[in-house]
Every structure is written in C-alpha cells, then in structure tokens.
C-alpha cells in the first residue's frame, strides 16, 4: 500500500481536477492527470485524444487556469508536461 500525502492547500485543487476538470476533458476523449505543483505553477499531463493536440495550450490557458484560479488564486499558470510511462 502506498501512502500519498497531499501538500497543504492542494486538496481543493486536486478535488477540482478529479471531479470537474478530468471529466470535462474526458468528454472529448482526453485524459487529464495532476503531476505536481511548484510554487504557483500547476503541472498536468494530457493524454488520450489530447496527446499531441495543438489545442493543449489553449485548454490550459482558457479552461484549466481560470478554474484553478477560482479555487486557489495563488495559481499563476498551468503547464502541460509529458507523461512518461514506466
């Protein structure tokens, strides 16, 4: 069993990703995963239908960032990073 600790203040953002944003992305065949947060930058991966899509940046800026800022105003940007599979 792996125990994952959620850094203080990130629970609401993780809940937003899991319950709202990931299902929204899934409606278009994509998969959204939380990677990490470094200061005000939230890193996510987009795969499925979103993998390689030229609209990834637009999705991050116009959809993900405003939603995350509504929950946590200290979020300054959302960065889409590659997801490396084992």
PDB file of N, CA and C in Angstrom:
ATOM      1  N   UNK A   1       0.841  -1.177   0.000  1.00  0.00           N
ATOM      2  CA  UNK A   1       0.000   0.000   0.000  1.00  0.00           C
ATOM      3  C   UNK A   1       0.886   1.239   0.000  1.00  0.00           C
ATOM      4  N   UNK A   2       0.586   2.179  -0.876  1.00  0.00           N
ATOM      5  CA  UNK A   2       1.332   3.424  -0.954  1.00  0.00           C
ATOM      6  C   UNK A   2       0.523   4.526  -0.296  1.00  0.00           C
ATOM      7  N   UNK A   3       1.169   5.258   0.568  1.00  0.00           N
ATOM      8  CA  UNK A   3       0.520   6.387   1.223  1.00  0.00           C
ATOM      9  C   UNK A   3       1.006   7.654   0.534  1.00  0.00           C
ATOM     10  N   UNK A   4       0.067   8.428   0.032  1.00  0.00           N
ATOM     11  CA  UNK A   4       0.406   9.672  -0.643  1.00  0.00           C
ATOM     12  C   UNK A   4      -0.058  10.815   0.233  1.00  0.00           C
ATOM     13  N   UNK A   5       0.855  11.714   0.561  1.00  0.00           N
ATOM     14  CA  UNK A   5       0.451  12.870   1.353  1.00  0.00           C
ATOM     15  C   UNK A   5       0.174  14.029   0.400  1.00  0.00           C
ATOM     16  N   UNK A   6      -0.891  14.732   0.668  1.00  0.00           N
ATOM     17  CA  UNK A   6      -1.269  15.883  -0.148  1.00  0.00           C
ATOM     18  C   UNK A   6      -0.723  17.126   0.535  1.00  0.00           C
ATOM     19  N   UNK A   7       0.144  17.866  -0.164  1.00  0.00           N
ATOM     20  CA  UNK A   7       0.679  19.081   0.438  1.00  0.00           C
ATOM     21  C   UNK A   7      -0.441  20.028   0.851  1.00  0.00           C
ATOM     22  N   UNK A   8      -0.206  20.731   1.924  1.00  0.00           N
ATOM     23  CA  UNK A   8      -1.216  21.639   2.466  1.00  0.00           C
ATOM     24  C   UNK A   8      -1.696  22.621   1.402  1.00  0.00           C
ATOM     25  N   UNK A   9      -2.984  22.811   1.328  1.00  0.00           N
ATOM     26  CA  UNK A   9      -3.564  23.763   0.403  1.00  0.00           C
ATOM     27  C   UNK A   9      -3.825  23.230  -0.995  1.00  0.00           C
ATOM     28  N   UNK A  10      -3.438  21.989  -1.280  1.00  0.00           N
ATOM     29  CA  UNK A  10      -3.635  21.451  -2.619  1.00  0.00           C
ATOM     30  C   UNK A  10      -4.843  20.535  -2.725  1.00  0.00           C
ATOM     31  N   UNK A  11      -5.462  20.217  -1.606  1.00  0.00           N
ATOM     32  CA  UNK A  11      -6.612  19.320  -1.623  1.00  0.00           C
ATOM     33  C   UNK A  11      -7.744  19.822  -2.496  1.00  0.00           C
ATOM     34  N   UNK A  12      -8.038  21.118  -2.429  1.00  0.00           N
ATOM     35  CA  UNK A  12      -9.130  21.679  -3.228  1.00  0.00           C
ATOM     36  C   UNK A  12      -8.802  21.628  -4.717  1.00  0.00           C
ATOM     37  N   UNK A  13      -7.546  21.874  -5.068  1.00  0.00           N
ATOM     38  CA  UNK A  13      -7.146  21.799  -6.478  1.00  0.00           C
ATOM     39  C   UNK A  13      -7.222  20.369  -6.995  1.00  0.00           C
ATOM     40  N   UNK A  14      -6.759  19.428  -6.200  1.00  0.00           N
ATOM     41  CA  UNK A  14      -6.825  18.022  -6.607  1.00  0.00           C
ATOM     42  C   UNK A  14      -8.272  17.577  -6.768  1.00  0.00           C
ATOM     43  N   UNK A  15      -9.129  18.015  -5.864  1.00  0.00           N
ATOM     44  CA  UNK A  15     -10.551  17.673  -5.962  1.00  0.00           C
ATOM     45  C   UNK A  15     -11.163  18.274  -7.227  1.00  0.00           C
ATOM     46  N   UNK A  16     -10.785  19.500  -7.559  1.00  0.00           N
ATOM     47  CA  UNK A  16     -11.271  20.145  -8.779  1.00  0.00           C
ATOM     48  C   UNK A  16     -10.838  19.354 -10.015  1.00  0.00           C
ATOM     49  N   UNK A  17      -9.578  18.955 -10.051  1.00  0.00           N
ATOM     50  CA  UNK A  17      -9.079  18.177 -11.190  1.00  0.00           C
ATOM     51  C   UNK A  17      -9.838  16.861 -11.297  1.00  0.00           C
ATOM     52  N   UNK A  18      -9.961  16.145 -10.186  1.00  0.00           N
ATOM     53  CA  UNK A  18     -10.601  14.822 -10.210  1.00  0.00           C
ATOM     54  C   UNK A  18     -12.095  14.877 -10.511  1.00  0.00           C
ATOM     55  N   UNK A  19     -12.794  15.839  -9.916  1.00  0.00           N
ATOM     56  CA  UNK A  19     -14.255  15.816 -10.015  1.00  0.00           C
ATOM     57  C   UNK A  19     -14.838  16.685 -11.127  1.00  0.00           C
ATOM     58  N   UNK A  20     -14.084  17.677 -11.601  1.00  0.00           N
ATOM     59  CA  UNK A  20     -14.628  18.591 -12.606  1.00  0.00           C
ATOM     60  C   UNK A  20     -13.803  18.592 -13.895  1.00  0.00           C
ATOM     61  N   UNK A  21     -12.521  18.907 -13.783  1.00  0.00           N
ATOM     62  CA  UNK A  21     -11.714  19.111 -14.985  1.00  0.00           C
ATOM     63  C   UNK A  21     -11.405  17.821 -15.738  1.00  0.00           C
ATOM     64  N   UNK A  22     -11.035  16.765 -15.031  1.00  0.00           N
ATOM     65  CA  UNK A  22     -10.743  15.492 -15.719  1.00  0.00           C
ATOM     66  C   UNK A  22     -11.980  14.958 -16.448  1.00  0.00           C
ATOM     67  N   UNK A  23     -13.167  14.965 -15.816  1.00  0.00           N
ATOM     68  CA  UNK A  23     -14.355  14.526 -16.556  1.00  0.00           C
ATOM     69  C   UNK A  23     -14.679  15.425 -17.759  1.00  0.00           C
ATOM     70  N   UNK A  24     -14.416  16.709 -17.638  1.00  0.00           N
ATOM     71  CA  UNK A  24     -14.647  17.630 -18.751  1.00  0.00           C
ATOM     72  C   UNK A  24     -13.739  17.285 -19.935  1.00  0.00           C
ATOM     73  N   UNK A  25     -12.471  17.058 -19.656  1.00  0.00           N
ATOM     74  CA  UNK A  25     -11.513  16.683 -20.700  1.00  0.00           C
ATOM     75  C   UNK A  25     -11.875  15.316 -21.278  1.00  0.00           C
ATOM     76  N   UNK A  26     -12.359  14.417 -20.425  1.00  0.00           N
ATOM     77  CA  UNK A  26     -12.723  13.065 -20.873  1.00  0.00           C
ATOM     78  C   UNK A  26     -13.878  13.086 -21.877  1.00  0.00           C
ATOM     79  N   UNK A  27     -14.728  14.098 -21.805  1.00  0.00           N
ATOM     80  CA  UNK A  27     -15.848  14.187 -22.760  1.00  0.00           C
ATOM     81  C   UNK A  27     -15.354  14.321 -24.197  1.00  0.00           C
ATOM     82  N   UNK A  28     -14.136  14.825 -24.365  1.00  0.00           N
ATOM     83  CA  UNK A  28     -13.535  14.936 -25.699  1.00  0.00           C
ATOM     84  C   UNK A  28     -12.547  13.804 -25.965  1.00  0.00           C
ATOM     85  N   UNK A  29     -12.555  12.782 -25.099  1.00  0.00           N
ATOM     86  CA  UNK A  29     -11.674  11.636 -25.297  1.00  0.00           C
ATOM     87  C   UNK A  29     -10.289  11.800 -24.705  1.00  0.00           C
ATOM     88  N   UNK A  30     -10.091  12.855 -23.932  1.00  0.00           N
ATOM     89  CA  UNK A  30      -8.781  13.107 -23.337  1.00  0.00           C
ATOM     90  C   UNK A  30      -8.678  12.593 -21.915  1.00  0.00           C
ATOM     91  N   UNK A  31      -7.453  12.547 -21.436  1.00  0.00           N
ATOM     92  CA  UNK A  31      -7.173  12.136 -20.060  1.00  0.00           C
ATOM     93  C   UNK A  31      -6.322  13.235 -19.430  1.00  0.00           C
ATOM     94  N   UNK A  32      -6.811  13.797 -18.339  1.00  0.00           N
ATOM     95  CA  UNK A  32      -6.102  14.837 -17.598  1.00  0.00           C
ATOM     96  C   UNK A  32      -5.608  14.245 -16.294  1.00  0.00           C
ATOM     97  N   UNK A  33      -4.318  14.415 -16.023  1.00  0.00           N
ATOM     98  CA  UNK A  33      -3.741  13.928 -14.764  1.00  0.00           C
ATOM     99  C   UNK A  33      -2.939  15.043 -14.102  1.00  0.00           C
ATOM    100  N   UNK A  34      -3.090  15.130 -12.803  1.00  0.00           N
ATOM    101  CA  UNK A  34      -2.288  16.035 -11.976  1.00  0.00           C
ATOM    102  C   UNK A  34      -0.881  15.469 -11.922  1.00  0.00           C
ATOM    103  N   UNK A  35       0.126  16.316 -12.118  1.00  0.00           N
ATOM    104  CA  UNK A  35       1.514  15.881 -11.982  1.00  0.00           C
ATOM    105  C   UNK A  35       2.087  16.436 -10.686  1.00  0.00           C
ATOM    106  N   UNK A  36       2.116  17.759 -10.560  1.00  0.00           N
ATOM    107  CA  UNK A  36       2.620  18.380  -9.334  1.00  0.00           C
ATOM    108  C   UNK A  36       2.369  19.877  -9.379  1.00  0.00           C
ATOM    109  N   UNK A  37       2.663  20.523  -8.264  1.00  0.00           N
ATOM    110  CA  UNK A  37       2.609  21.978  -8.196  1.00  0.00           C
ATOM    111  C   UNK A  37       3.946  22.464  -7.681  1.00  0.00           C
ATOM    112  N   UNK A  38       4.518  23.421  -8.388  1.00  0.00           N
ATOM    113  CA  UNK A  38       5.767  24.047  -7.964  1.00  0.00           C
ATOM    114  C   UNK A  38       5.479  25.537  -7.852  1.00  0.00           C
ATOM    115  N   UNK A  39       5.456  26.013  -6.624  1.00  0.00           N
ATOM    116  CA  UNK A  39       5.061  27.392  -6.346  1.00  0.00           C
ATOM    117  C   UNK A  39       3.677  27.640  -6.950  1.00  0.00           C
ATOM    118  N   UNK A  40       3.528  28.617  -7.821  1.00  0.00           N
ATOM    119  CA  UNK A  40       2.218  28.909  -8.397  1.00  0.00           C
ATOM    120  C   UNK A  40       1.922  28.172  -9.686  1.00  0.00           C
ATOM    121  N   UNK A  41       2.853  27.329 -10.122  1.00  0.00           N
ATOM    122  CA  UNK A  41       2.692  26.626 -11.396  1.00  0.00           C
ATOM    123  C   UNK A  41       2.172  25.213 -11.156  1.00  0.00           C
ATOM    124  N   UNK A  42       1.027  24.913 -11.746  1.00  0.00           N
ATOM    125  CA  UNK A  42       0.460  23.566 -11.666  1.00  0.00           C
ATOM    126  C   UNK A  42       0.853  22.831 -12.940  1.00  0.00           C
ATOM    127  N   UNK A  43       1.426  21.645 -12.780  1.00  0.00           N
ATOM    128  CA  UNK A  43       1.801  20.826 -13.927  1.00  0.00           C
ATOM    129  C   UNK A  43       0.810  19.682 -14.070  1.00  0.00           C
ATOM    130  N   UNK A  44       0.311  19.513 -15.292  1.00  0.00           N
ATOM    131  CA  UNK A  44      -0.633  18.442 -15.598  1.00  0.00           C
ATOM    132  C   UNK A  44      -0.156  17.725 -16.851  1.00  0.00           C
ATOM    133  N   UNK A  45      -0.656  16.515 -17.047  1.00  0.00           N
ATOM    134  CA  UNK A  45      -0.407  15.824 -18.311  1.00  0.00           C
ATOM    135  C   UNK A  45      -1.738  15.631 -19.012  1.00  0.00           C
ATOM    136  N   UNK A  46      -1.698  15.712 -20.321  1.00  0.00           N
ATOM    137  CA  UNK A  46      -2.864  15.470 -21.157  1.00  0.00           C
ATOM    138  C   UNK A  46      -2.519  14.327 -22.097  1.00  0.00           C
ATOM    139  N   UNK A  47      -3.344  13.294 -22.093  1.00  0.00           N
ATOM    140  CA  UNK A  47      -3.109  12.155 -22.977  1.00  0.00           C
ATOM    141  C   UNK A  47      -4.438  11.742 -23.598  1.00  0.00           C
ATOM    142  N   UNK A  48      -4.488  10.543 -24.140  1.00  0.00           N
ATOM    143  CA  UNK A  48      -5.684  10.126 -24.864  1.00  0.00           C
ATOM    144  C   UNK A  48      -5.813  10.967 -26.124  1.00  0.00           C
ATOM    145  N   UNK A  49      -7.008  11.439 -26.417  1.00  0.00           N
ATOM    146  CA  UNK A  49      -7.231  12.259 -27.609  1.00  0.00           C
ATOM    147  C   UNK A  49      -6.476  13.583 -27.544  1.00  0.00           C
ATOM    148  N   UNK A  50      -6.064  13.994 -26.352  1.00  0.00           N
ATOM    149  CA  UNK A  50      -5.347  15.261 -26.186  1.00  0.00           C
ATOM    150  C   UNK A  50      -3.853  15.141 -26.486  1.00  0.00           C
ATOM    151  N   UNK A  51      -3.347  13.925 -26.567  1.00  0.00           N
ATOM    152  CA  UNK A  51      -1.920  13.712 -26.794  1.00  0.00           C
ATOM    153  C   UNK A  51      -1.522  14.293 -28.147  1.00  0.00           C
ATOM    154  N   UNK A  52      -0.646  15.261 -28.125  1.00  0.00           N
ATOM    155  CA  UNK A  52      -0.180  15.882 -29.352  1.00  0.00           C
ATOM    156  C   UNK A  52      -1.135  16.889 -29.972  1.00  0.00           C
ATOM    157  N   UNK A  53      -2.255  17.126 -29.332  1.00  0.00           N
ATOM    158  CA  UNK A  53      -3.249  18.062 -29.878  1.00  0.00           C
ATOM    159  C   UNK A  53      -2.690  19.491 -29.837  1.00  0.00           C
ATOM    160  N   UNK A  54      -2.829  20.239 -30.921  1.00  0.00           N
ATOM    161  CA  UNK A  54      -2.324  21.610 -30.931  1.00  0.00           C
ATOM    162  C   UNK A  54      -3.102  22.557 -30.005  1.00  0.00           C
ATOM    163  N   UNK A  55      -4.247  22.126 -29.503  1.00  0.00           N
ATOM    164  CA  UNK A  55      -5.049  22.975 -28.617  1.00  0.00           C
ATOM    165  C   UNK A  55      -4.718  22.774 -27.137  1.00  0.00           C
ATOM    166  N   UNK A  56      -3.687  21.998 -26.820  1.00  0.00           N
ATOM    167  CA  UNK A  56      -3.328  21.780 -25.408  1.00  0.00           C
ATOM    168  C   UNK A  56      -3.088  23.095 -24.674  1.00  0.00           C
ATOM    169  N   UNK A  57      -2.323  23.995 -25.277  1.00  0.00           N
ATOM    170  CA  UNK A  57      -2.007  25.274 -24.635  1.00  0.00           C
ATOM    171  C   UNK A  57      -3.280  26.086 -24.418  1.00  0.00           C
ATOM    172  N   UNK A  58      -4.161  26.098 -25.418  1.00  0.00           N
ATOM    173  CA  UNK A  58      -5.431  26.823 -25.282  1.00  0.00           C
ATOM    174  C   UNK A  58      -6.281  26.238 -24.162  1.00  0.00           C
ATOM    175  N   UNK A  59      -6.317  24.919 -24.063  1.00  0.00           N
ATOM    176  CA  UNK A  59      -7.076  24.258 -22.999  1.00  0.00           C
ATOM    177  C   UNK A  59      -6.519  24.649 -21.640  1.00  0.00           C
ATOM    178  N   UNK A  60      -5.193  24.646 -21.515  1.00  0.00           N
ATOM    179  CA  UNK A  60      -4.566  25.011 -20.244  1.00  0.00           C
ATOM    180  C   UNK A  60      -4.875  26.459 -19.877  1.00  0.00           C
ATOM    181  N   UNK A  61      -4.749  27.366 -20.844  1.00  0.00           N
ATOM    182  CA  UNK A  61      -4.923  28.796 -20.560  1.00  0.00           C
ATOM    183  C   UNK A  61      -6.379  29.228 -20.408  1.00  0.00           C
ATOM    184  N   UNK A  62      -7.262  28.669 -21.231  1.00  0.00           N
ATOM    185  CA  UNK A  62      -8.645  29.155 -21.259  1.00  0.00           C
ATOM    186  C   UNK A  62      -9.616  28.348 -20.406  1.00  0.00           C
ATOM    187  N   UNK A  63      -9.239  27.113 -20.069  1.00  0.00           N
ATOM    188  CA  UNK A  63     -10.152  26.259 -19.302  1.00  0.00           C
ATOM    189  C   UNK A  63      -9.566  25.913 -17.934  1.00  0.00           C
ATOM    190  N   UNK A  64      -8.386  25.300 -17.929  1.00  0.00           N
ATOM    191  CA  UNK A  64      -7.817  24.811 -16.671  1.00  0.00           C
ATOM    192  C   UNK A  64      -7.408  25.945 -15.732  1.00  0.00           C
ATOM    193  N   UNK A  65      -6.672  26.929 -16.244  1.00  0.00           N
ATOM    194  CA  UNK A  65      -6.170  28.011 -15.388  1.00  0.00           C
ATOM    195  C   UNK A  65      -7.289  28.811 -14.721  1.00  0.00           C
ATOM    196  N   UNK A  66      -8.300  29.283 -15.440  1.00  0.00           N
ATOM    197  CA  UNK A  66      -9.363  30.039 -14.753  1.00  0.00           C
ATOM    198  C   UNK A  66     -10.084  29.221 -13.678  1.00  0.00           C
ATOM    199  N   UNK A  67     -10.308  27.936 -13.945  1.00  0.00           N
ATOM    200  CA  UNK A  67     -10.978  27.092 -12.948  1.00  0.00           C
ATOM    201  C   UNK A  67     -10.102  26.930 -11.712  1.00  0.00           C
ATOM    202  N   UNK A  68      -8.802  26.705 -11.927  1.00  0.00           N
ATOM    203  CA  UNK A  68      -7.896  26.537 -10.784  1.00  0.00           C
ATOM    204  C   UNK A  68      -7.743  27.829 -10.004  1.00  0.00           C
ATOM    205  N   UNK A  69      -7.689  28.950 -10.696  1.00  0.00           N
ATOM    206  CA  UNK A  69      -7.590  30.241 -10.004  1.00  0.00           C
ATOM    207  C   UNK A  69      -8.839  30.543  -9.190  1.00  0.00           C
ATOM    208  N   UNK A  70      -9.984  30.067  -9.638  1.00  0.00           N
ATOM    209  CA  UNK A  70     -11.222  30.277  -8.881  1.00  0.00           C
ATOM    210  C   UNK A  70     -11.168  29.555  -7.542  1.00  0.00           C
ATOM    211  N   UNK A  71     -10.467  28.422  -7.515  1.00  0.00           N
ATOM    212  CA  UNK A  71     -10.327  27.642  -6.285  1.00  0.00           C
ATOM    213  C   UNK A  71      -9.144  28.139  -5.462  1.00  0.00           C
ATOM    214  N   UNK A  72      -8.056  28.521  -6.148  1.00  0.00           N
ATOM    215  CA  UNK A  72      -6.838  28.963  -5.468  1.00  0.00           C
ATOM    216  C   UNK A  72      -6.208  30.106  -6.268  1.00  0.00           C
ATOM    217  N   UNK A  73      -6.428  31.345  -5.858  1.00  0.00           N
ATOM    218  CA  UNK A  73      -5.910  32.497  -6.600  1.00  0.00           C
ATOM    219  C   UNK A  73      -4.390  32.564  -6.695  1.00  0.00           C
ATOM    220  N   UNK A  74      -3.670  31.771  -5.910  1.00  0.00           N
ATOM    221  CA  UNK A  74      -2.207  31.798  -5.982  1.00  0.00           C
ATOM    222  C   UNK A  74      -1.657  31.005  -7.168  1.00  0.00           C
ATOM    223  N   UNK A  75      -2.523  30.306  -7.898  1.00  0.00           N
ATOM    224  CA  UNK A  75      -2.079  29.593  -9.102  1.00  0.00           C
ATOM    225  C   UNK A  75      -1.791  30.642 -10.178  1.00  0.00           C
ATOM    226  N   UNK A  76      -0.563  30.629 -10.700  1.00  0.00           N
ATOM    227  CA  UNK A  76      -0.160  31.621 -11.700  1.00  0.00           C
ATOM    228  C   UNK A  76      -0.200  31.084 -13.122  1.00  0.00           C
ATOM    229  N   UNK A  77       0.001  29.779 -13.286  1.00  0.00           N
ATOM    230  CA  UNK A  77      -0.057  29.201 -14.628  1.00  0.00           C
ATOM    231  C   UNK A  77      -0.249  27.695 -14.546  1.00  0.00           C
ATOM    232  N   UNK A  78      -0.664  27.140 -15.676  1.00  0.00           N
ATOM    233  CA  UNK A  78      -0.802  25.692 -15.812  1.00  0.00           C
ATOM    234  C   UNK A  78       0.125  25.273 -16.943  1.00  0.00           C
ATOM    235  N   UNK A  79       0.999  24.332 -16.653  1.00  0.00           N
ATOM    236  CA  UNK A  79       1.960  23.844 -17.642  1.00  0.00           C
ATOM    237  C   UNK A  79       1.610  22.402 -17.998  1.00  0.00           C
ATOM    238  N   UNK A  80       1.494  22.124 -19.287  1.00  0.00           N
ATOM    239  CA  UNK A  80       1.262  20.758 -19.750  1.00  0.00           C
ATOM    240  C   UNK A  80       2.627  20.114 -19.944  1.00  0.00           C
ATOM    241  N   UNK A  81       2.848  19.012 -19.238  1.00  0.00           N
ATOM    242  CA  UNK A  81       4.134  18.313 -19.307  1.00  0.00           C
ATOM    243  C   UNK A  81       3.917  16.906 -19.848  1.00  0.00           C
ATOM    244  N   UNK A  82       4.959  16.333 -20.463  1.00  0.00           N
ATOM    245  CA  UNK A  82       4.817  14.962 -20.962  1.00  0.00           C
ATOM    246  C   UNK A  82       4.680  13.985 -19.809  1.00  0.00           C
ATOM    247  N   UNK A  83       3.950  12.950 -20.042  1.00  0.00           N
ATOM    248  CA  UNK A  83       3.813  11.892 -19.031  1.00  0.00           C
ATOM    249  C   UNK A  83       4.631  10.710 -19.508  1.00  0.00           C
ATOM    250  N   UNK A  84       5.606  10.340 -18.721  1.00  0.00           N
ATOM    251  CA  UNK A  84       6.474   9.224 -19.075  1.00  0.00           C
ATOM    252  C   UNK A  84       5.937   7.952 -18.449  1.00  0.00           C
ATOM    253  N   UNK A  85       5.705   6.967 -19.267  1.00  0.00           N
ATOM    254  CA  UNK A  85       5.174   5.696 -18.782  1.00  0.00           C
ATOM    255  C   UNK A  85       6.315   4.757 -18.442  1.00  0.00           C
ATOM    256  N   UNK A  86       6.140   3.957 -17.374  1.00  0.00           N
ATOM    257  CA  UNK A  86       7.212   3.022 -16.996  1.00  0.00           C
ATOM    258  C   UNK A  86       7.394   1.929 -18.016  1.00  0.00           C
TER     259      UNK A  86
END
